[in-house]
Amino acid sequence: MTDPTDAADVPLDEDGSVPEVDGVETAESIADEVRDEIRLGHVQDDVSHVLEERFEAAGIDLRPEAIDDLAEEIEKDVSS
């Protein structure tokens, strides 16, 4: 019998990402939302600040350096 919490047993979303569980946001889902909102022109603020606020609201604790690295990755992705 497999462990029901085993990640291999979780069906992925159409884009290949792990789905949100009961509305719980992950760092990846928040990053994807911010990336999409930047592309739509809805985010004009500092990306690191936006990510920090969203992670805090979702109860996700990441080091400031990790948030800055993720913000930089999002900015590069959106600008290309």
N, C-alpha and C. Protein backbone atom coordinates (compact mmCIF):
# COMPACT_ATOMS: atom_id res chain seq x y z
N MET A 1 0.85 -1.18 0.00
CA MET A 1 0.00 0.00 0.00
C MET A 1 0.89 1.23 0.00
N THR A 2 0.52 2.22 -0.78
CA THR A 2 1.31 3.44 -0.86
C THR A 2 0.81 4.46 0.13
N ASP A 3 1.70 5.34 0.51
CA ASP A 3 1.37 6.43 1.42
C ASP A 3 0.54 7.44 0.65
N PRO A 4 -0.66 7.81 1.12
CA PRO A 4 -1.51 8.75 0.38
C PRO A 4 -0.90 10.14 0.27
N THR A 5 0.10 10.43 1.06
CA THR A 5 0.75 11.75 0.97
C THR A 5 1.95 11.72 0.06
N ASP A 6 2.24 10.57 -0.56
CA ASP A 6 3.37 10.44 -1.47
C ASP A 6 3.14 11.34 -2.68
N ALA A 7 4.12 12.18 -2.98
CA ALA A 7 3.99 13.15 -4.07
C ALA A 7 3.79 12.46 -5.42
N ALA A 8 4.28 11.24 -5.57
CA ALA A 8 4.13 10.53 -6.83
C ALA A 8 2.67 10.20 -7.11
N ASP A 9 1.85 10.15 -6.08
CA ASP A 9 0.45 9.81 -6.24
C ASP A 9 -0.44 11.02 -6.49
N VAL A 10 0.13 12.22 -6.44
CA VAL A 10 -0.66 13.44 -6.61
C VAL A 10 -0.78 13.76 -8.09
N PRO A 11 -2.00 13.82 -8.61
CA PRO A 11 -2.16 14.19 -10.02
C PRO A 11 -1.75 15.64 -10.24
N LEU A 12 -1.03 15.90 -11.32
CA LEU A 12 -0.55 17.24 -11.60
C LEU A 12 -1.59 18.03 -12.38
N ASP A 13 -1.49 19.37 -12.27
CA ASP A 13 -2.34 20.25 -13.06
C ASP A 13 -1.95 20.11 -14.52
N GLU A 14 -2.74 20.70 -15.40
CA GLU A 14 -2.48 20.64 -16.84
C GLU A 14 -1.11 21.18 -17.21
N ASP A 15 -0.62 22.17 -16.46
CA ASP A 15 0.69 22.75 -16.76
C ASP A 15 1.84 21.97 -16.13
N GLY A 16 1.53 20.83 -15.49
CA GLY A 16 2.57 19.99 -14.90
C GLY A 16 2.94 20.35 -13.49
N SER A 17 2.28 21.35 -12.91
CA SER A 17 2.59 21.76 -11.55
C SER A 17 1.71 21.01 -10.55
N VAL A 18 2.15 21.02 -9.31
CA VAL A 18 1.38 20.39 -8.24
C VAL A 18 0.18 21.28 -7.94
N PRO A 19 -1.01 20.74 -7.89
CA PRO A 19 -2.20 21.56 -7.65
C PRO A 19 -2.25 22.08 -6.22
N GLU A 20 -2.99 23.17 -6.03
CA GLU A 20 -3.22 23.67 -4.68
C GLU A 20 -4.13 22.69 -3.94
N VAL A 21 -3.91 22.56 -2.66
CA VAL A 21 -4.70 21.64 -1.86
C VAL A 21 -5.65 22.46 -1.00
N ASP A 22 -6.94 22.30 -1.23
CA ASP A 22 -7.96 22.99 -0.45
C ASP A 22 -7.68 24.49 -0.34
N GLY A 23 -7.27 25.11 -1.43
CA GLY A 23 -7.03 26.55 -1.44
C GLY A 23 -5.73 26.98 -0.80
N VAL A 24 -4.91 26.03 -0.38
CA VAL A 24 -3.62 26.37 0.23
C VAL A 24 -2.66 26.74 -0.88
N GLU A 25 -2.07 27.91 -0.74
CA GLU A 25 -1.13 28.36 -1.75
C GLU A 25 0.28 27.89 -1.41
N THR A 26 1.05 27.60 -2.45
CA THR A 26 2.45 27.24 -2.29
C THR A 26 3.30 28.39 -2.79
N ALA A 27 4.57 28.36 -2.46
CA ALA A 27 5.47 29.40 -2.96
C ALA A 27 5.45 29.42 -4.48
N GLU A 28 5.37 28.24 -5.10
CA GLU A 28 5.34 28.15 -6.55
C GLU A 28 4.06 28.76 -7.12
N SER A 29 2.93 28.49 -6.50
CA SER A 29 1.67 29.04 -7.02
C SER A 29 1.63 30.55 -6.87
N ILE A 30 2.17 31.05 -5.77
CA ILE A 30 2.22 32.51 -5.57
C ILE A 30 3.15 33.14 -6.60
N ALA A 31 4.30 32.53 -6.83
CA ALA A 31 5.24 33.06 -7.83
C ALA A 31 4.59 33.09 -9.21
N ASP A 32 3.85 32.03 -9.55
CA ASP A 32 3.16 31.98 -10.84
C ASP A 32 2.11 33.08 -10.96
N GLU A 33 1.37 33.32 -9.87
CA GLU A 33 0.36 34.38 -9.88
C GLU A 33 1.01 35.75 -10.08
N VAL A 34 2.10 36.00 -9.37
CA VAL A 34 2.79 37.29 -9.49
C VAL A 34 3.34 37.45 -10.90
N ARG A 35 3.91 36.38 -11.44
CA ARG A 35 4.45 36.42 -12.81
C ARG A 35 3.34 36.79 -13.79
N ASP A 36 2.18 36.16 -13.66
CA ASP A 36 1.05 36.45 -14.55
C ASP A 36 0.56 37.88 -14.38
N GLU A 37 0.49 38.34 -13.13
CA GLU A 37 0.01 39.70 -12.87
C GLU A 37 0.97 40.75 -13.42
N ILE A 38 2.27 40.47 -13.39
CA ILE A 38 3.24 41.39 -13.98
C ILE A 38 3.03 41.46 -15.49
N ARG A 39 2.85 40.31 -16.11
CA ARG A 39 2.63 40.27 -17.56
C ARG A 39 1.37 41.05 -17.96
N LEU A 40 0.37 41.03 -17.08
CA LEU A 40 -0.88 41.75 -17.36
C LEU A 40 -0.80 43.22 -16.98
N GLY A 41 0.32 43.62 -16.36
CA GLY A 41 0.49 45.01 -15.96
C GLY A 41 -0.17 45.36 -14.65
N HIS A 42 -0.55 44.36 -13.86
CA HIS A 42 -1.22 44.60 -12.59
C HIS A 42 -0.28 44.81 -11.43
N VAL A 43 1.00 44.50 -11.61
CA VAL A 43 1.98 44.68 -10.53
C VAL A 43 3.02 45.69 -11.01
N GLN A 44 3.08 46.80 -10.30
CA GLN A 44 4.05 47.85 -10.62
C GLN A 44 5.08 48.01 -9.51
N ASP A 45 4.81 47.40 -8.36
CA ASP A 45 5.68 47.53 -7.19
C ASP A 45 6.91 46.63 -7.34
N ASP A 46 7.83 46.78 -6.38
CA ASP A 46 9.00 45.94 -6.30
C ASP A 46 8.55 44.49 -6.14
N VAL A 47 9.04 43.61 -7.01
CA VAL A 47 8.59 42.22 -7.02
C VAL A 47 8.95 41.52 -5.71
N SER A 48 10.12 41.80 -5.16
CA SER A 48 10.50 41.18 -3.88
C SER A 48 9.51 41.55 -2.78
N HIS A 49 9.11 42.80 -2.77
CA HIS A 49 8.15 43.26 -1.75
C HIS A 49 6.79 42.58 -1.93
N VAL A 50 6.33 42.48 -3.17
CA VAL A 50 5.05 41.83 -3.44
C VAL A 50 5.10 40.37 -3.01
N LEU A 51 6.19 39.67 -3.37
CA LEU A 51 6.32 38.27 -2.98
C LEU A 51 6.35 38.12 -1.46
N GLU A 52 7.12 38.97 -0.81
CA GLU A 52 7.22 38.91 0.65
C GLU A 52 5.85 39.06 1.30
N GLU A 53 5.06 40.03 0.84
CA GLU A 53 3.72 40.24 1.40
C GLU A 53 2.81 39.04 1.16
N ARG A 54 2.86 38.49 -0.05
CA ARG A 54 1.99 37.35 -0.38
C ARG A 54 2.40 36.10 0.39
N PHE A 55 3.71 35.87 0.52
CA PHE A 55 4.17 34.71 1.29
C PHE A 55 3.77 34.84 2.75
N GLU A 56 3.91 36.04 3.29
CA GLU A 56 3.53 36.27 4.68
C GLU A 56 2.04 36.00 4.88
N ALA A 57 1.22 36.49 3.96
CA ALA A 57 -0.23 36.30 4.06
C ALA A 57 -0.61 34.81 3.96
N ALA A 58 0.20 34.04 3.21
CA ALA A 58 -0.08 32.61 3.04
C ALA A 58 0.58 31.76 4.12
N GLY A 59 1.34 32.41 5.00
CA GLY A 59 2.00 31.66 6.07
C GLY A 59 3.25 30.94 5.61
N ILE A 60 3.85 31.40 4.53
CA ILE A 60 5.06 30.79 3.99
C ILE A 60 6.25 31.61 4.45
N ASP A 61 7.22 30.94 5.08
CA ASP A 61 8.39 31.62 5.62
C ASP A 61 9.61 31.28 4.77
N LEU A 62 10.09 32.26 4.02
CA LEU A 62 11.29 32.09 3.21
C LEU A 62 12.32 33.13 3.62
N ARG A 63 13.59 32.76 3.47
CA ARG A 63 14.66 33.70 3.75
C ARG A 63 14.58 34.88 2.77
N PRO A 64 14.95 36.07 3.21
CA PRO A 64 14.92 37.23 2.31
C PRO A 64 15.74 37.02 1.04
N GLU A 65 16.86 36.31 1.17
CA GLU A 65 17.70 36.05 0.00
C GLU A 65 16.97 35.16 -1.01
N ALA A 66 16.20 34.20 -0.51
CA ALA A 66 15.44 33.31 -1.39
C ALA A 66 14.35 34.10 -2.11
N ILE A 67 13.72 35.00 -1.39
CA ILE A 67 12.68 35.84 -2.01
C ILE A 67 13.29 36.73 -3.08
N ASP A 68 14.44 37.34 -2.78
CA ASP A 68 15.12 38.19 -3.76
C ASP A 68 15.52 37.39 -5.00
N ASP A 69 16.03 36.18 -4.80
CA ASP A 69 16.42 35.33 -5.94
C ASP A 69 15.20 34.98 -6.79
N LEU A 70 14.11 34.64 -6.14
CA LEU A 70 12.89 34.31 -6.86
C LEU A 70 12.35 35.52 -7.62
N ALA A 71 12.40 36.69 -6.99
CA ALA A 71 11.95 37.93 -7.65
C ALA A 71 12.80 38.21 -8.89
N GLU A 72 14.09 38.00 -8.77
CA GLU A 72 14.99 38.22 -9.91
C GLU A 72 14.67 37.25 -11.04
N GLU A 73 14.40 36.00 -10.68
CA GLU A 73 14.06 34.98 -11.68
C GLU A 73 12.75 35.36 -12.39
N ILE A 74 11.78 35.81 -11.62
CA ILE A 74 10.49 36.22 -12.22
C ILE A 74 10.68 37.41 -13.14
N GLU A 75 11.45 38.40 -12.72
CA GLU A 75 11.68 39.59 -13.54
C GLU A 75 12.37 39.22 -14.86
N LYS A 76 13.35 38.32 -14.79
CA LYS A 76 14.04 37.88 -16.02
C LYS A 76 13.08 37.15 -16.93
N ASP A 77 12.25 36.29 -16.35
CA ASP A 77 11.31 35.51 -17.14
C ASP A 77 10.29 36.40 -17.84
N VAL A 78 9.79 37.38 -17.11
CA VAL A 78 8.77 38.27 -17.67
C VAL A 78 9.34 39.19 -18.74
N SER A 79 10.60 39.58 -18.59
CA SER A 79 11.19 40.51 -19.55
C SER A 79 11.65 39.85 -20.83
N SER A 80 11.69 38.51 -20.87
CA SER A 80 12.14 37.83 -22.09
C SER A 80 11.02 37.43 -22.99
